[in-house]
Protein backbone atom coordinates (compact mmCIF):
# COMPACT_ATOMS: atom_id res chain seq x y z
CA MET A 1 22.31 -19.55 -200.47
CA ALA A 2 18.90 -18.42 -201.78
CA VAL A 3 18.30 -18.35 -205.54
CA THR A 4 15.14 -17.69 -207.53
CA THR A 5 13.43 -20.38 -209.59
CA ASN A 6 14.43 -18.40 -212.72
CA ASP A 7 18.08 -19.28 -211.96
CA LEU A 8 17.55 -23.07 -211.84
CA ARG A 9 19.95 -25.24 -213.89
CA ASN A 10 20.18 -29.01 -214.45
CA GLY A 11 22.36 -30.65 -211.81
CA MET A 12 21.85 -27.84 -209.28
CA THR A 13 21.09 -29.11 -205.75
CA LEU A 14 18.28 -27.55 -203.72
CA ASP A 15 17.68 -27.75 -199.97
CA LEU A 16 13.89 -28.03 -199.76
CA PRO A 17 11.78 -28.77 -196.64
CA GLU A 18 11.30 -32.35 -197.98
CA GLY A 19 15.08 -32.89 -198.21
CA LEU A 20 18.01 -32.44 -200.59
CA PHE A 21 17.03 -32.56 -204.31
CA ALA A 22 19.00 -32.35 -207.56
CA VAL A 23 17.32 -30.65 -210.52
CA VAL A 24 16.90 -33.27 -213.28
CA GLU A 25 15.00 -31.00 -215.67
CA PHE A 26 13.12 -27.72 -215.55
CA GLN A 27 10.86 -25.77 -217.87
CA HIS A 28 9.79 -22.12 -217.72
CA VAL A 29 6.08 -21.80 -218.64
CA LYS A 30 4.39 -18.50 -219.48
CA PRO A 31 0.66 -19.13 -219.97
CA GLY A 32 -1.51 -16.58 -221.79
CA LYS A 33 -3.39 -15.85 -218.57
CA GLY A 34 -1.94 -15.76 -215.08
CA GLY A 35 1.61 -15.66 -213.82
CA ALA A 36 4.61 -17.52 -215.18
CA PHE A 37 5.76 -20.67 -213.41
CA VAL A 38 8.60 -23.18 -213.47
CA ARG A 39 7.83 -26.90 -213.82
CA THR A 40 10.63 -29.11 -212.43
CA LYS A 41 11.59 -32.74 -212.08
CA LEU A 42 13.66 -33.22 -208.93
CA LYS A 43 15.58 -36.27 -207.70
CA ASN A 44 16.07 -36.88 -203.99
CA VAL A 45 19.85 -37.03 -203.49
CA ARG A 46 19.64 -39.50 -200.59
CA THR A 47 16.88 -41.90 -201.75
CA GLY A 48 16.88 -41.45 -205.55
CA ALA A 49 13.10 -40.86 -205.56
CA VAL A 50 11.91 -38.53 -208.34
CA LEU A 51 9.44 -35.75 -207.57
CA GLU A 52 7.69 -33.35 -209.96
CA ARG A 53 7.09 -29.91 -208.52
CA THR A 54 5.86 -26.57 -209.86
CA PHE A 55 7.17 -23.27 -208.49
CA ARG A 56 6.00 -19.71 -209.16
CA ALA A 57 8.44 -17.70 -211.27
CA ASP A 58 10.76 -15.67 -209.03
CA GLU A 59 10.01 -17.91 -206.02
CA ARG A 60 13.02 -18.14 -203.71
CA VAL A 61 14.54 -21.58 -203.02
CA GLU A 62 17.61 -22.54 -201.01
CA GLN A 63 20.53 -23.79 -203.09
CA ALA A 64 22.68 -26.44 -201.42
CA ILE A 65 26.37 -26.30 -202.30
CA VAL A 66 27.43 -29.95 -202.45
CA ASP A 67 31.18 -30.49 -202.22
CA LYS A 68 32.42 -33.33 -204.44
CA ARG A 69 35.65 -34.86 -203.14
CA GLU A 70 37.69 -37.61 -204.75
CA MET A 71 38.40 -40.15 -202.02
CA GLN A 72 40.20 -43.48 -201.93
CA TYR A 73 38.71 -46.35 -199.93
CA LEU A 74 41.44 -47.66 -197.63
CA TYR A 75 40.00 -50.28 -195.26
CA ARG A 76 37.12 -51.29 -192.94
CA ASP A 77 37.26 -50.17 -189.31
CA GLY A 78 34.60 -52.19 -187.51
CA SER A 79 31.51 -51.57 -189.62
CA ASP A 80 32.75 -48.16 -190.89
CA TYR A 81 34.57 -47.56 -194.16
CA VAL A 82 37.74 -45.45 -193.96
CA PHE A 83 38.34 -43.09 -196.90
CA MET A 84 41.29 -40.81 -197.62
CA ASP A 85 40.94 -37.49 -199.45
CA THR A 86 43.36 -37.79 -202.41
CA GLY A 87 44.13 -34.06 -202.29
CA THR A 88 44.65 -33.37 -198.57
CA TYR A 89 45.33 -36.95 -197.32
CA ASP A 90 42.72 -36.40 -194.57
CA GLN A 91 41.01 -39.61 -193.48
CA MET A 92 37.28 -39.90 -192.94
CA GLN A 93 35.22 -42.68 -191.34
CA VAL A 94 31.97 -43.33 -193.18
CA PRO A 95 29.10 -45.48 -191.86
CA PRO A 96 27.75 -48.05 -194.37
CA ALA A 97 24.31 -46.35 -194.37
CA SER A 98 25.85 -43.21 -195.93
CA LEU A 99 27.26 -45.22 -198.84
CA GLY A 100 24.03 -47.06 -199.67
CA SER A 101 24.43 -49.60 -202.50
CA ALA A 102 27.89 -48.19 -203.39
CA ALA A 103 29.34 -50.30 -200.53
CA ASP A 104 28.65 -53.43 -202.63
CA PHE A 105 31.13 -52.28 -205.29
CA LEU A 106 34.00 -50.85 -203.22
CA LYS A 107 37.19 -52.79 -202.61
CA GLU A 108 40.34 -51.56 -200.89
CA GLY A 109 42.29 -49.07 -203.00
CA ASP A 110 39.30 -48.04 -205.16
CA SER A 111 38.51 -44.38 -205.76
CA ALA A 112 35.06 -42.82 -205.52
CA VAL A 113 33.71 -39.27 -205.54
CA LEU A 114 31.89 -38.57 -202.27
CA GLN A 115 29.27 -35.81 -202.30
CA VAL A 116 29.43 -33.95 -198.99
CA TYR A 117 26.87 -31.41 -197.72
CA SER A 118 27.16 -29.85 -194.23
CA GLY A 119 29.68 -32.50 -193.19
CA GLU A 120 27.32 -35.35 -194.17
CA ILE A 121 27.79 -37.70 -197.13
CA VAL A 122 24.72 -37.42 -199.36
CA GLY A 123 25.87 -39.43 -202.37
CA VAL A 124 28.64 -41.50 -203.95
CA ASP A 125 29.71 -41.37 -207.61
CA LEU A 126 31.30 -44.62 -208.77
CA PRO A 127 32.74 -45.55 -212.16
CA ALA A 128 30.10 -47.09 -214.50
CA ALA A 129 31.65 -50.56 -214.06
CA VAL A 130 34.02 -52.16 -211.55
CA GLU A 131 36.18 -55.28 -211.74
CA LEU A 132 35.61 -57.76 -208.92
CA ALA A 133 36.91 -61.27 -208.19
CA VAL A 134 34.44 -64.14 -207.84
CA THR A 135 34.98 -65.79 -204.43
CA GLU A 136 32.23 -68.39 -204.51
CA THR A 137 30.01 -70.01 -207.16
CA GLU A 138 29.05 -73.48 -208.29
CA PRO A 139 31.52 -74.83 -210.85
CA GLY A 140 30.30 -74.92 -214.45
CA ILE A 141 29.41 -78.45 -215.54
CA GLN A 142 31.00 -79.61 -218.81
CA GLY A 143 28.38 -79.73 -221.56
CA ASP A 144 25.96 -77.49 -219.62
CA ARG A 145 25.69 -74.75 -222.20
CA VAL A 146 22.06 -73.66 -222.00
CA SER A 147 21.92 -70.30 -223.78
CA GLY A 148 21.41 -67.40 -221.36
CA ALA A 149 21.36 -69.62 -218.24
CA ARG A 150 22.61 -67.91 -215.07
CA LYS A 151 23.82 -68.92 -211.62
CA PRO A 152 24.50 -66.87 -208.46
CA ALA A 153 28.11 -65.90 -207.71
CA THR A 154 29.46 -64.11 -204.63
CA VAL A 155 32.17 -61.51 -205.34
CA GLU A 156 34.93 -60.25 -203.02
CA THR A 157 32.75 -57.43 -201.60
CA GLY A 158 29.99 -59.87 -200.57
CA LEU A 159 27.62 -58.85 -203.40
CA VAL A 160 25.76 -61.72 -205.12
CA VAL A 161 25.61 -61.36 -208.92
CA GLN A 162 23.85 -63.56 -211.49
CA VAL A 163 26.58 -64.78 -213.89
CA PRO A 164 26.72 -67.12 -216.92
CA LEU A 165 27.43 -70.81 -216.24
CA PHE A 166 31.07 -70.63 -217.49
CA VAL A 167 32.21 -68.24 -214.71
CA ASN A 168 34.27 -70.03 -212.02
CA PRO A 169 35.63 -69.07 -208.56
CA GLY A 170 38.77 -66.93 -208.93
CA ASP A 171 37.60 -65.35 -212.22
CA ARG A 172 37.51 -61.55 -212.41
CA ILE A 173 34.27 -60.09 -213.74
CA LYS A 174 33.04 -56.61 -214.65
CA VAL A 175 29.88 -55.51 -212.84
CA ASP A 176 27.65 -52.53 -213.76
CA THR A 177 27.51 -50.25 -210.67
CA ARG A 178 24.12 -48.78 -211.64
CA SER A 179 22.22 -52.07 -211.97
CA GLY A 180 24.49 -54.54 -210.15
CA GLU A 181 24.48 -56.83 -213.19
CA TYR A 182 27.28 -58.91 -214.73
CA ILE A 183 28.77 -57.35 -217.90
CA THR A 184 31.68 -59.56 -218.95
CA ARG A 185 34.70 -61.52 -217.75
CA ALA A 186 37.72 -59.28 -217.18
């Protein structure tokens, strides 16, 4: 669907020759001389790279309608992840490459919002933090209480997180899905 640059809004997704981009911010500029233009900051939906681009006012761009579906992660099938649409109960097999870093935070039964464009998954919205069980880490040594010291711990999804020394195998921890960092014990 073609829209003009005067109709741009934050969060709108555009299908540009360089790829799929979400509008982060935009500004209409009307200089004293010359034609008006629109200065934008765009974020690549697939890679997360930010691009600044200037368009002429009234320039036509292609708007991409991205369908956001709430899906529940059911299980792994080979290397693929199997999701179920919580509204229609349709199942969908998703390759790990489509999930990107979100695969590190998904465990069976978790919900995520998958962004779908032309039958392809272009993004995954996760909650800000997830609770994961620690499967492997060195035990904390009694009396080893160096302030701010960290050790690596492997969680149930296979992700390695730096945790404080007091965290032991079997503990449940909260992990920030944006940075992949330890927040607190659950």
